[in-house]
């Protein structure tokens, strides 16, 4: 009898295989070995293997309403701080970015407070788009990953930039903040996204 065991509940051995535990053949829900490492909770192992080839890449949390994030996600771009270019120039191709949405609607009063997108910045520089009525925001192209939107409250006590910090939102006031590699992996894991 085959038994499917979630990677979230098991560990892999040094060969990347899951332990059998005497329950018969085990099927893994993840085909990518490195992806399994962080799904199984081995963040340090994943970091050593994946990030060793991406030493210059950085990790960012960007801020925008969910409706704007979804528009960018469906069209392959990111935009922050009402279209300003300066924040986008801090980002480089290959950097990873997760969007945090305090609200669902632009200038809304709801409290969505969720991560709503995650991806990797594509090659190329920020570019400007004429939206009409004198509004020409700057954007960067991003390869967005398939990911679930998740409330940040589920990660408050896990992320380095929020744990034990009641004023964690203050550091996001500029619309873009650098975070650690491990925080990005924790966010990706919670969203069910692969950054490989």
Foldseek 3Di string as FASTA:
>chain_A
DEDEDELCPFDADPVLHTDDPPPDHYDYPDDDSLLSCVLNPVLVVSCVPPCVVVVPAFEKEFEDAQVQVVVCQVVFKDAHDLQDQVVQQVHAFFHKYWYFYQHNDGVDPDGQQKTRWIFTFHHDGWDWDDPDPPRIGTITGTDIWQWAIDHCVVCQCPFPLRNPDPVSCVQCVNRMDTGDPSNSSVSCSVRVTDHD
